[in-house]
Amino acid sequence: MTPARPPRALLWDVGNVIVRWDPRTLYAKIFKEPVHLDRFLSHVGTMDWHAATDRGVTFADNIAALSAEHPHHAEHIAAWWARWPEMFSGPLAETESVIEALAARDVPQFALTNMSSESWPGVQAMSPVFRHFRDAVVSAEERVIKPEPRIYEIVLERTGLEAADLLFVDDSAANIAAASAMGFHTHHFTDPAALRPAIEKHGLL
């Protein structure tokens, strides 16, 4: 669906758009052999398992359940939360620059993230640009995750805007497709250098 008018506000994903997040950054320190690292992340500490925390399950409960299934990996599973900050490798300077430039022009900015409410405060502390967001829809607080349509509806309810008013930036093709189907402007974030030209193309910078 192509929106009938240009956007007037930004809706930002967070992980790997504003801050870099990858479990491998941590687990490469724990598993010295790549084959063991790959096996753990593909069969134990999977993204499907982690998604429960994005839906509101606590890290403690999610870790306990998985540890009961894989007791020999209990220590490794516990590190998912105990060493959570080590999964991050800093903010993306290109995104920070664009957010600051939009703020200087008083363009409304919001966040939509699949994230645990437990980890959200720490993530916000990783970059000063989070202060520019007028609101943030955090999946764990809503008990629904992208790309499910309901979470985009919550964004519209919370912002008071229509889908065509918002340019949504996300690194997930599935999330982008869902938003596009609902009438949002979208930019699939795959190259940090392409972000500013995309924002400029939409007339926001």
Protein backbone atom coordinates (compact mmCIF):
# COMPACT_ATOMS: atom_id res chain seq x y z
CA MET A 1 0.00 0.00 0.00
CA THR A 2 1.41 3.39 -1.01
CA PRO A 3 0.41 6.25 1.33
CA ALA A 4 -1.37 9.12 -0.37
CA ARG A 5 0.61 11.87 1.37
CA PRO A 6 4.16 12.36 2.66
CA PRO A 7 5.00 11.47 6.26
CA ARG A 8 5.35 14.06 8.99
CA ALA A 9 6.74 11.94 11.83
CA LEU A 10 9.27 9.15 12.40
CA LEU A 11 8.69 5.75 14.01
CA TRP A 12 11.96 4.06 14.92
CA ASP A 13 12.83 0.47 15.62
CA VAL A 14 15.61 0.25 18.22
CA GLY A 15 17.72 -2.92 18.01
CA ASN A 16 20.20 -2.77 15.12
CA VAL A 17 18.75 0.56 14.00
CA ILE A 18 19.72 2.79 16.93
CA VAL A 19 21.88 0.41 19.00
CA ARG A 20 23.72 -2.67 17.80
CA TRP A 21 22.50 -5.90 19.43
CA ASP A 22 23.68 -9.42 18.67
CA PRO A 23 23.82 -12.39 21.08
CA ARG A 24 26.93 -13.54 19.22
CA THR A 25 28.81 -10.57 20.62
CA LEU A 26 28.48 -12.16 24.06
CA TYR A 27 28.50 -15.85 23.23
CA ALA A 28 31.63 -15.64 21.09
CA LYS A 29 33.39 -14.95 24.40
CA ILE A 30 31.78 -17.98 26.05
CA PHE A 31 32.15 -20.55 23.26
CA LYS A 32 35.64 -20.57 21.82
CA GLU A 33 34.75 -23.03 19.06
CA PRO A 34 32.47 -21.55 16.34
CA VAL A 35 30.66 -24.87 15.94
CA HIS A 36 29.68 -24.84 19.63
CA LEU A 37 28.59 -21.22 19.39
CA ASP A 38 26.43 -21.94 16.36
CA ARG A 39 24.90 -25.02 17.96
CA PHE A 40 23.96 -23.15 21.14
CA LEU A 41 22.34 -20.23 19.31
CA SER A 42 20.52 -22.42 16.81
CA HIS A 43 19.27 -25.12 19.21
CA VAL A 44 19.22 -23.64 22.73
CA GLY A 45 19.40 -19.86 23.02
CA THR A 46 17.27 -19.25 19.94
CA MET A 47 15.44 -16.13 18.83
CA ASP A 48 12.15 -18.01 19.17
CA TRP A 49 12.96 -18.68 22.83
CA HIS A 50 14.09 -15.10 23.41
CA ALA A 51 10.85 -13.76 21.86
CA ALA A 52 8.97 -14.78 25.01
CA THR A 53 10.65 -11.94 26.90
CA ASP A 54 9.57 -9.56 24.14
CA ARG A 55 6.01 -10.69 24.92
CA GLY A 56 6.37 -9.94 28.64
CA VAL A 57 7.77 -13.13 30.19
CA THR A 58 10.49 -12.20 32.69
CA PHE A 59 14.07 -13.09 31.95
CA ALA A 60 14.15 -15.14 35.16
CA ASP A 61 11.14 -17.25 34.16
CA ASN A 62 12.28 -17.66 30.57
CA ILE A 63 15.77 -18.71 31.64
CA ALA A 64 14.43 -21.13 34.24
CA ALA A 65 12.20 -22.86 31.71
CA LEU A 66 14.98 -23.30 29.17
CA SER A 67 17.49 -24.41 31.81
CA ALA A 68 15.10 -27.17 32.87
CA GLU A 69 15.16 -28.44 29.27
CA HIS A 70 18.93 -28.06 28.88
CA PRO A 71 20.46 -28.38 32.36
CA HIS A 72 23.96 -28.89 30.97
CA HIS A 73 23.70 -25.41 29.44
CA ALA A 74 22.27 -23.75 32.56
CA GLU A 75 25.31 -21.52 33.08
CA HIS A 76 25.32 -20.46 29.44
CA ILE A 77 21.59 -19.74 29.47
CA ALA A 78 21.89 -17.69 32.67
CA ALA A 79 24.44 -15.48 30.92
CA TRP A 80 21.70 -14.28 28.55
CA TRP A 81 20.51 -11.91 31.27
CA ALA A 82 23.46 -11.86 33.69
CA ARG A 83 25.71 -10.59 30.92
CA TRP A 84 23.02 -8.95 28.79
CA PRO A 85 24.93 -5.65 28.23
CA GLU A 86 27.70 -7.59 26.49
CA MET A 87 25.34 -8.34 23.60
CA PHE A 88 25.48 -4.67 22.66
CA SER A 89 28.27 -2.93 20.78
CA GLY A 90 27.18 0.67 20.92
CA PRO A 91 24.88 3.04 19.06
CA LEU A 92 24.91 3.60 15.31
CA ALA A 93 26.34 7.05 14.71
CA GLU A 94 24.50 7.51 11.42
CA THR A 95 21.12 6.96 13.10
CA GLU A 96 22.00 9.20 16.03
CA SER A 97 22.92 11.98 13.61
CA VAL A 98 19.61 11.70 11.76
CA ILE A 99 17.57 11.65 14.98
CA GLU A 100 19.35 14.78 16.21
CA ALA A 101 18.77 16.52 12.88
CA LEU A 102 15.08 15.65 12.92
CA ALA A 103 14.79 16.88 16.51
CA ALA A 104 16.36 20.20 15.48
CA ARG A 105 13.55 20.54 12.93
CA ASP A 106 10.96 19.56 15.56
CA VAL A 107 9.85 16.50 13.59
CA PRO A 108 7.85 14.23 15.95
CA GLN A 109 9.69 10.98 16.70
CA PHE A 110 8.50 7.78 18.34
CA ALA A 111 9.88 4.28 18.99
CA LEU A 112 8.40 0.83 18.39
CA THR A 113 10.50 -2.00 19.75
CA ASN A 114 10.26 -5.70 20.42
CA MET A 115 11.91 -5.67 23.82
CA SER A 116 11.55 -6.72 27.43
CA SER A 117 10.42 -4.01 29.82
CA GLU A 118 13.29 -5.17 32.04
CA SER A 119 15.93 -4.30 29.47
CA TRP A 120 14.34 -1.14 28.04
CA PRO A 121 15.71 1.31 30.67
CA GLY A 122 19.26 0.10 30.14
CA VAL A 123 18.95 0.37 26.38
CA GLN A 124 17.71 3.95 26.63
CA ALA A 125 20.81 4.79 28.65
CA MET A 126 23.04 3.76 25.74
CA SER A 127 22.39 6.90 23.68
CA PRO A 128 21.22 10.45 24.39
CA VAL A 129 18.96 10.41 21.32
CA PHE A 130 16.24 8.51 23.18
CA ARG A 131 15.33 11.78 24.90
CA HIS A 132 13.86 12.99 21.61
CA PHE A 133 11.13 10.36 21.47
CA ARG A 134 7.69 11.59 22.44
CA ASP A 135 6.56 8.04 23.21
CA ALA A 136 7.81 4.48 22.88
CA VAL A 137 5.70 1.36 22.36
CA VAL A 138 7.54 -1.53 24.02
CA SER A 139 6.24 -4.96 23.07
CA ALA A 140 6.56 -6.55 26.52
CA GLU A 141 4.37 -3.85 28.01
CA GLU A 142 1.69 -4.49 25.39
CA ARG A 143 2.04 -8.32 25.28
CA VAL A 144 2.15 -8.24 21.48
CA ILE A 145 5.12 -8.10 19.12
CA LYS A 146 6.00 -6.97 15.61
CA PRO A 147 5.01 -7.93 12.96
CA GLU A 148 1.55 -8.60 14.45
CA PRO A 149 -0.88 -5.90 13.24
CA ARG A 150 -2.15 -5.11 16.73
CA ILE A 151 1.12 -3.50 17.80
CA TYR A 152 0.97 -1.07 14.88
CA GLU A 153 -2.60 -0.23 15.85
CA ILE A 154 -1.34 0.56 19.35
CA VAL A 155 1.19 2.96 17.85
CA LEU A 156 -1.58 4.83 16.05
CA GLU A 157 -3.72 4.95 19.19
CA ARG A 158 -0.83 6.23 21.30
CA THR A 159 0.47 8.80 18.82
CA GLY A 160 -2.92 10.01 17.60
CA LEU A 161 -1.57 9.82 14.05
CA GLU A 162 -2.65 7.91 10.98
CA ALA A 163 -0.40 5.34 9.32
CA ALA A 164 0.24 7.67 6.37
CA ASP A 165 1.66 10.26 8.78
CA LEU A 166 4.48 7.97 9.89
CA LEU A 167 7.72 6.81 8.31
CA PHE A 168 8.68 3.52 9.97
CA VAL A 169 12.36 2.50 10.02
CA ASP A 170 13.15 -1.14 10.89
CA ASP A 171 15.83 -3.70 10.04
CA SER A 172 13.34 -6.59 9.74
CA ALA A 173 11.80 -7.22 6.33
CA ALA A 174 8.79 -8.90 7.97
CA ASN A 175 8.15 -5.90 10.21
CA ILE A 176 8.48 -3.53 7.27
CA ALA A 177 6.05 -5.59 5.17
CA ALA A 178 3.45 -5.61 7.94
CA ALA A 179 3.68 -1.84 8.40
CA SER A 180 3.53 -1.19 4.68
CA ALA A 181 0.39 -3.32 4.38
CA MET A 182 -1.23 -1.09 7.00
CA GLY A 183 -0.40 2.11 5.13
CA PHE A 184 2.79 3.29 6.83
CA HIS A 185 5.65 4.81 4.89
CA THR A 186 8.60 2.50 5.42
CA HIS A 187 12.36 2.29 5.12
CA HIS A 188 14.04 -1.10 5.43
CA PHE A 189 17.23 -0.35 7.36
CA THR A 190 20.05 -2.44 5.89
CA ASP A 191 22.79 0.14 5.34
CA PRO A 192 23.40 2.95 7.85
CA ALA A 193 24.77 5.16 5.06
CA ALA A 194 21.45 4.92 3.19
CA LEU A 195 19.39 6.22 6.09
CA ARG A 196 19.83 9.98 5.70
CA PRO A 197 19.17 9.93 1.92
CA ALA A 198 15.97 7.97 2.58
CA ILE A 199 14.79 10.47 5.18
CA GLU A 200 15.62 13.33 2.82
CA LYS A 201 13.72 11.63 0.00
CA HIS A 202 10.62 11.68 2.18
CA GLY A 203 11.08 15.42 2.70
CA LEU A 204 11.74 15.28 6.43
CA LEU A 205 15.31 16.63 6.21
